[in-house]
Amino acid sequence: MTVKPGSKNLITDVAGLKVGNAHHAHYATGVTVVLPDEPVTAAVDVRGGAPGTRDTSALDPTCLVDAVHGIVLSGGSVFGLDAAGGVISHLAEQGVGMSFGQSPVRIPLVPSAILFDLTFGPDKTWGATPPYRDLGIAAAQDAGTDFELGNAGAGHGATAGTLKGGLGSASAVFGGFTVGALVALNPVGSCINPASNDLWARPFELDGEFGPVPAEPVSPVPLTPLGDSKLDARAAGANTTIAVVATDAALTKPQAQRLAIMASDGMARAIRPIHTPYDGDTVFALATGRTALAEQPGEALAMLGSAAADCLTRAIGRAMVSAEPLHGRDTWRPA
């Protein structure tokens, strides 16, 4: 079966999804929002030892809620959880959300996850008014099918090992389905194979999307259990890679849960070490339901999950090649 990137090589190649970014240059942090045109089936898989999330319990297949109205990825650690409130207010104002009885108030369900960027950049002294609610609203207003990668949105203050991390995305089209991934890359671990000075994600590259290996890599590192990771500089919870994978397939909540579980392995192919006590690694899965599964849904789901993991690996690679130097943090690809 032929697998190729979608026309944009972004998660928005999955029809019915939009992505918006917003960042605060002074505070060196940002927010990324995924908004579906219609409510979509959703699930989540949390592998990191120090996660920070909001409303993820509602995604349990045993819970009442069967669809969501958006997903938020944010910097700012616990302060970044405010971003979802901004997105919820924006959507409710637009008439998006669940309705209950005669109440005129709409209730959007917008689960979120955060990464830690509080030690990145010159200043986080925002006092009693962190910027994340406003950033959430701005990101929602910015949502479209085209969006920036690298130092954009939730990737603005992200770091990867000792290098600059960022926002990445990729997609795949195959067998009548489309799968996409979006990642805010901020791991304690390294994305670089010291034996080759190349990305761990390189074997999964499609159509030369990572470009060539830099002739003069920024910082060769030894192949140790921790590589060029930053464990010595951070405490538990001070990192995290957060992601969304999506497909146009029609999935139930348990099937979406399996998609998220399989997709999480895409991180392990591109980051070493991964899912540490210092990370809050979280993967959301969305299914827009526009394409029915085949007569053998188990086989189709296995194919979708494998493709989602590959897309997430590639999105991590694209985050690394799209990142730009910022606040003294170099990138893998020299500027």
Protein backbone atom coordinates (compact mmCIF):
# COMPACT_ATOMS: atom_id res chain seq x y z
CA MET A 1 0.00 0.00 0.00
CA THR A 2 1.35 3.41 -0.99
CA VAL A 3 1.64 5.97 1.81
CA LYS A 4 2.26 9.61 0.99
CA PRO A 5 1.98 12.93 2.81
CA GLY A 6 -1.20 14.93 2.39
CA SER A 7 -1.21 18.08 0.28
CA LYS A 8 -0.16 20.28 3.22
CA ASN A 9 1.68 17.63 5.26
CA LEU A 10 -0.21 18.96 8.27
CA ILE A 11 -2.83 17.54 10.61
CA THR A 12 -5.33 19.75 8.80
CA ASP A 13 -5.12 17.40 5.82
CA VAL A 14 -7.71 15.51 7.87
CA ALA A 15 -10.80 17.25 6.51
CA GLY A 16 -12.83 19.16 9.07
CA LEU A 17 -9.96 20.22 11.35
CA LYS A 18 -8.42 23.65 11.87
CA VAL A 19 -5.41 24.69 13.95
CA GLY A 20 -4.65 28.05 15.50
CA ASN A 21 -1.50 29.39 17.19
CA ALA A 22 -0.77 32.32 19.45
CA HIS A 23 2.32 33.24 21.45
CA HIS A 24 3.59 35.93 23.78
CA ALA A 25 7.05 37.03 22.68
CA HIS A 26 8.00 38.70 25.97
CA TYR A 27 7.02 35.74 28.12
CA ALA A 28 8.34 33.24 25.53
CA THR A 29 5.34 30.94 25.68
CA GLY A 30 2.32 30.07 23.58
CA VAL A 31 -0.84 28.10 22.87
CA THR A 32 -2.00 25.84 20.03
CA VAL A 33 -5.66 24.92 19.47
CA VAL A 34 -7.23 22.18 17.34
CA LEU A 35 -10.83 22.98 16.40
CA PRO A 36 -13.09 20.58 14.48
CA ASP A 37 -15.86 21.87 12.25
CA GLU A 38 -18.21 19.50 14.09
CA PRO A 39 -17.92 17.61 17.40
CA VAL A 40 -15.56 14.65 17.02
CA THR A 41 -14.88 11.39 18.84
CA ALA A 42 -11.86 11.74 21.11
CA ALA A 43 -9.61 9.76 23.43
CA VAL A 44 -6.33 10.28 25.27
CA ASP A 45 -3.27 8.28 26.28
CA VAL A 46 -0.99 9.57 29.05
CA ARG A 47 2.46 7.96 29.33
CA GLY A 48 4.60 10.56 31.09
CA GLY A 49 5.32 10.51 34.81
CA ALA A 50 4.32 14.15 35.43
CA PRO A 51 1.30 15.07 33.29
CA GLY A 52 -0.72 18.27 33.43
CA THR A 53 -4.16 17.97 31.87
CA ARG A 54 -7.73 19.26 32.00
CA ASP A 55 -10.98 17.36 31.31
CA THR A 56 -9.17 14.22 30.15
CA SER A 57 -11.22 11.99 32.48
CA ALA A 58 -14.28 12.74 30.37
CA LEU A 59 -12.56 10.97 27.46
CA ASP A 60 -12.63 7.62 29.27
CA PRO A 61 -14.72 5.25 27.09
CA THR A 62 -16.95 4.51 30.12
CA CYS A 63 -17.91 8.17 30.54
CA LEU A 64 -20.98 9.93 29.14
CA VAL A 65 -19.33 12.43 26.79
CA ASP A 66 -19.03 11.05 23.27
CA ALA A 67 -17.50 14.00 21.41
CA VAL A 68 -15.34 17.10 21.95
CA HIS A 69 -15.34 20.58 20.48
CA GLY A 70 -11.60 21.24 20.59
CA ILE A 71 -8.20 20.33 22.02
CA VAL A 72 -5.70 22.75 23.55
CA LEU A 73 -1.92 22.33 23.81
CA SER A 74 -0.27 25.02 25.93
CA GLY A 75 2.96 26.14 27.46
CA GLY A 76 3.02 27.58 30.96
CA SER A 77 2.75 24.49 33.14
CA VAL A 78 -0.34 24.74 35.39
CA PHE A 79 -0.88 28.36 34.37
CA GLY A 80 -1.36 27.15 30.80
CA LEU A 81 -4.49 25.24 31.78
CA ASP A 82 -6.23 28.63 31.70
CA ALA A 83 -5.91 28.57 27.90
CA ALA A 84 -8.74 26.05 27.60
CA GLY A 85 -11.02 28.46 29.48
CA GLY A 86 -10.35 31.09 26.85
CA VAL A 87 -11.13 28.66 24.05
CA ILE A 88 -14.30 27.51 25.82
CA SER A 89 -15.49 31.12 26.16
CA HIS A 90 -14.76 31.79 22.50
CA LEU A 91 -16.64 28.70 21.32
CA ALA A 92 -19.61 29.28 23.63
CA GLU A 93 -19.90 32.82 22.29
CA GLN A 94 -20.08 31.29 18.79
CA GLY A 95 -22.89 28.95 19.90
CA VAL A 96 -20.66 25.86 19.93
CA GLY A 97 -21.10 23.26 22.66
CA MET A 98 -23.54 20.92 24.35
CA SER A 99 -27.00 22.19 25.27
CA PHE A 100 -28.95 21.22 28.37
CA GLY A 101 -32.69 21.64 28.62
CA GLN A 102 -33.93 25.20 28.28
CA SER A 103 -30.62 26.80 29.22
CA PRO A 104 -29.32 29.17 26.53
CA VAL A 105 -25.72 28.51 27.62
CA ARG A 106 -23.63 26.21 25.45
CA ILE A 107 -20.99 24.04 27.12
CA PRO A 108 -18.00 23.26 24.87
CA LEU A 109 -15.84 20.31 25.91
CA VAL A 110 -12.20 21.22 25.28
CA PRO A 111 -9.66 18.89 26.94
CA SER A 112 -6.14 20.21 27.22
CA ALA A 113 -2.56 19.37 28.15
CA ILE A 114 0.35 21.57 29.13
CA LEU A 115 4.12 21.56 28.87
CA PHE A 116 6.69 23.24 31.11
CA ASP A 117 8.47 26.28 29.66
CA LEU A 118 8.65 28.42 32.81
CA THR A 119 12.46 28.47 32.87
CA PHE A 120 12.77 29.41 29.18
CA GLY A 121 13.14 33.05 28.17
CA PRO A 122 13.92 36.20 30.09
CA ASP A 123 10.74 36.77 32.06
CA LYS A 124 7.69 34.96 33.42
CA THR A 125 6.72 37.54 36.06
CA TRP A 126 3.16 38.10 34.86
CA GLY A 127 1.75 38.60 38.35
CA ALA A 128 -1.93 37.83 38.93
CA THR A 129 -2.85 37.73 35.23
CA PRO A 130 -1.04 34.97 33.30
CA PRO A 131 -1.47 35.42 29.54
CA TYR A 132 -2.92 32.01 28.73
CA ARG A 133 -6.64 32.73 28.70
CA ASP A 134 -6.08 35.54 26.22
CA LEU A 135 -3.67 33.37 24.22
CA GLY A 136 -6.31 30.64 24.05
CA ILE A 137 -8.85 33.09 22.63
CA ALA A 138 -6.29 34.44 20.14
CA ALA A 139 -5.33 30.94 19.01
CA ALA A 140 -8.99 29.98 18.50
CA GLN A 141 -9.57 33.14 16.47
CA ASP A 142 -6.50 32.27 14.38
CA ALA A 143 -7.65 28.74 13.54
CA GLY A 144 -7.37 27.70 9.90
CA THR A 145 -6.07 24.93 7.68
CA ASP A 146 -2.64 26.56 7.28
CA PHE A 147 -0.46 27.27 10.31
CA GLU A 148 3.18 27.79 11.24
CA LEU A 149 5.53 25.20 12.70
CA GLY A 150 8.68 25.60 14.79
CA ASN A 151 8.59 28.48 17.28
CA ALA A 152 4.83 28.85 16.95
CA GLY A 153 2.01 28.36 19.41
CA ALA A 154 2.72 25.89 22.19
CA GLY A 155 6.12 25.27 20.59
CA HIS A 156 7.32 28.83 21.13
CA GLY A 157 9.01 28.15 24.47
CA ALA A 158 9.65 24.45 23.94
CA THR A 159 13.08 22.81 24.16
CA ALA A 160 14.23 19.33 23.13
CA GLY A 161 17.11 17.97 25.14
CA THR A 162 19.67 20.76 25.03
CA LEU A 163 18.32 22.13 21.72
CA LYS A 164 15.33 24.25 20.74
CA GLY A 165 12.14 22.28 20.33
CA GLY A 166 8.92 23.50 18.80
CA LEU A 167 5.69 22.71 17.02
CA GLY A 168 5.59 19.99 14.36
CA SER A 169 2.97 18.36 12.16
CA ALA A 170 2.73 15.69 9.48
CA SER A 171 0.10 13.70 7.61
CA ALA A 172 -0.31 10.49 5.63
CA VAL A 173 -2.81 9.41 2.98
CA PHE A 174 -3.31 5.72 2.26
CA GLY A 175 -6.05 3.18 1.55
CA GLY A 176 -8.81 5.79 1.42
CA PHE A 177 -7.92 7.24 4.85
CA THR A 178 -6.06 10.32 6.03
CA VAL A 179 -4.13 10.46 9.30
CA GLY A 180 -2.34 13.47 10.77
CA ALA A 181 -0.31 14.42 13.83
CA LEU A 182 0.47 17.64 15.68
CA VAL A 183 3.09 17.87 18.43
CA ALA A 184 4.49 20.44 20.85
CA LEU A 185 7.97 19.02 21.37
CA ASN A 186 9.48 19.73 24.79
CA PRO A 187 11.08 16.46 26.01
CA VAL A 188 13.74 15.93 28.63
CA GLY A 189 15.24 13.44 26.17
CA SER A 190 17.11 13.91 22.91
CA CYS A 191 15.82 13.72 19.34
CA ILE A 192 19.34 13.25 17.88
CA ASN A 193 21.14 9.97 17.24
CA PRO A 194 24.77 10.64 18.28
CA ALA A 195 26.08 7.87 16.02
CA SER A 196 24.96 9.79 12.94
CA ASN A 197 24.22 13.28 14.28
CA ASP A 198 20.86 12.76 12.58
CA LEU A 199 17.29 12.64 13.82
CA TRP A 200 16.09 9.45 15.44
CA ALA A 201 12.99 10.05 13.29
CA ARG A 202 14.93 9.88 10.00
CA PRO A 203 13.91 6.30 9.00
CA PHE A 204 10.26 7.40 8.91
CA GLU A 205 10.81 10.45 6.69
CA LEU A 206 8.60 10.85 3.62
CA ASP A 207 9.52 12.84 0.51
CA GLY A 208 12.63 14.43 2.02
CA GLU A 209 10.60 16.41 4.57
CA PHE A 210 13.52 16.67 7.05
CA GLY A 211 16.08 17.94 4.57
CA PRO A 212 19.77 16.96 4.71
CA VAL A 213 21.81 16.20 7.82
CA PRO A 214 23.63 19.39 8.90
CA ALA A 215 27.25 19.43 7.75
CA GLU A 216 28.28 20.83 11.14
CA PRO A 217 25.87 19.61 13.81
CA VAL A 218 25.48 21.90 16.76
CA SER A 219 26.56 19.55 19.53
CA PRO A 220 27.55 15.89 19.05
CA VAL A 221 26.62 13.86 22.14
CA PRO A 222 27.60 10.40 23.41
CA LEU A 223 25.26 7.43 23.16
CA THR A 224 24.53 7.16 26.87
CA PRO A 225 21.23 6.24 28.52
CA LEU A 226 20.42 9.95 28.73
CA GLY A 227 22.15 11.24 25.58
CA ASP A 228 22.00 15.06 25.45
CA SER A 229 19.00 15.18 27.75
CA LYS A 230 18.60 17.90 30.34
CA LEU A 231 17.87 15.81 33.43
CA ASP A 232 20.55 17.60 35.40
CA ALA A 233 18.88 20.95 34.77
CA ARG A 234 15.23 20.16 35.41
CA ALA A 235 13.00 18.78 38.13
CA ALA A 236 10.14 16.32 37.75
CA GLY A 237 7.38 17.78 35.61
CA ALA A 238 9.66 20.34 33.99
CA ASN A 239 9.30 19.04 30.44
CA THR A 240 6.63 17.15 28.44
CA THR A 241 5.78 16.36 24.83
CA ILE A 242 2.08 16.79 24.06
CA ALA A 243 0.39 15.78 20.82
CA VAL A 244 -2.80 15.25 18.86
CA VAL A 245 -3.31 12.57 16.22
CA ALA A 246 -6.38 12.59 14.01
CA THR A 247 -8.05 10.54 11.31
CA ASP A 248 -11.07 10.89 9.06
CA ALA A 249 -12.12 7.34 9.95
CA ALA A 250 -15.32 6.67 11.87
CA LEU A 251 -14.18 5.34 15.27
CA THR A 252 -15.90 4.57 18.54
CA LYS A 253 -14.40 5.91 21.77
CA PRO A 254 -12.69 2.57 22.55
CA GLN A 255 -11.26 2.48 19.02
CA ALA A 256 -10.05 6.07 19.38
CA GLN A 257 -8.43 5.04 22.66
CA ARG A 258 -6.52 2.30 20.85
CA LEU A 259 -5.48 4.82 18.20
CA ALA A 260 -4.03 7.10 20.91
CA ILE A 261 -2.23 4.18 22.58
CA MET A 262 -0.62 3.06 19.33
CA ALA A 263 0.27 6.61 18.35
CA SER A 264 2.16 7.14 21.60
CA ASP A 265 4.84 4.77 20.35
CA GLY A 266 5.66 7.37 17.70
CA MET A 267 7.30 9.37 20.46
CA ALA A 268 9.52 6.44 21.43
CA ARG A 269 10.86 6.24 17.87
CA ALA A 270 11.93 9.88 17.85
CA ILE A 271 12.91 10.76 21.45
CA ARG A 272 15.37 9.06 23.79
CA PRO A 273 14.64 8.62 26.67
CA ILE A 274 10.86 9.02 26.58
CA HIS A 275 8.00 8.83 29.11
CA THR A 276 10.38 9.64 31.97
CA PRO A 277 9.35 10.72 35.49
CA TYR A 278 10.24 14.24 34.31
CA ASP A 279 7.83 14.28 31.35
CA GLY A 280 4.05 14.49 31.15
CA ASP A 281 3.79 12.92 27.69
CA THR A 282 0.17 12.97 26.49
CA VAL A 283 -1.42 12.05 23.14
CA PHE A 284 -4.99 12.94 22.18
CA ALA A 285 -6.74 11.08 19.34
CA LEU A 286 -9.54 12.57 17.23
CA ALA A 287 -11.78 10.81 14.70
CA THR A 288 -13.91 12.97 12.43
CA GLY A 289 -15.99 10.02 11.20
CA ARG A 290 -16.09 10.96 7.54
CA THR A 291 -14.82 7.60 6.25
CA ALA A 292 -16.31 4.27 7.33
CA LEU A 293 -14.05 1.43 8.44
CA ALA A 294 -13.77 -1.68 6.30
CA GLU A 295 -15.61 -4.92 6.99
CA GLN A 296 -12.67 -5.98 9.19
CA PRO A 297 -12.45 -3.05 11.62
CA GLY A 298 -9.67 -4.60 13.69
CA GLU A 299 -7.35 -4.76 10.70
CA ALA A 300 -8.25 -1.23 9.64
CA LEU A 301 -7.70 0.10 13.16
CA ALA A 302 -4.29 -1.57 13.34
CA MET A 303 -3.35 0.13 10.08
CA LEU A 304 -4.59 3.49 11.29
CA GLY A 305 -2.75 3.18 14.60
CA SER A 306 0.49 2.27 12.88
CA ALA A 307 0.15 5.23 10.53
CA ALA A 308 -0.65 7.56 13.44
CA ALA A 309 2.54 6.48 15.23
CA ASP A 310 4.56 7.08 12.06
CA CYS A 311 2.95 10.51 11.61
CA LEU A 312 3.77 11.46 15.18
CA THR A 313 7.41 10.42 14.68
CA ARG A 314 7.57 12.52 11.52
CA ALA A 315 5.88 15.48 13.24
CA ILE A 316 8.61 15.37 15.89
CA GLY A 317 11.24 15.41 13.16
CA ARG A 318 9.54 18.36 11.48
CA ALA A 319 9.41 20.23 14.79
CA MET A 320 13.19 19.87 15.06
CA VAL A 321 13.90 21.08 11.52
CA SER A 322 11.37 23.95 11.79
CA ALA A 323 12.64 25.33 15.10
CA GLU A 324 14.66 28.55 15.10
CA PRO A 325 17.26 29.70 17.66
CA LEU A 326 15.68 31.64 20.50
CA HIS A 327 16.90 33.08 23.80
CA GLY A 328 20.30 31.43 23.50
CA ARG A 329 18.99 27.96 22.65
CA ASP A 330 20.48 26.57 19.41
CA THR A 331 18.67 24.38 16.91
CA TRP A 332 19.72 21.05 15.44
CA ARG A 333 19.91 22.66 12.03
CA PRO A 334 22.31 25.62 12.34
CA ALA A 335 20.80 28.96 11.40
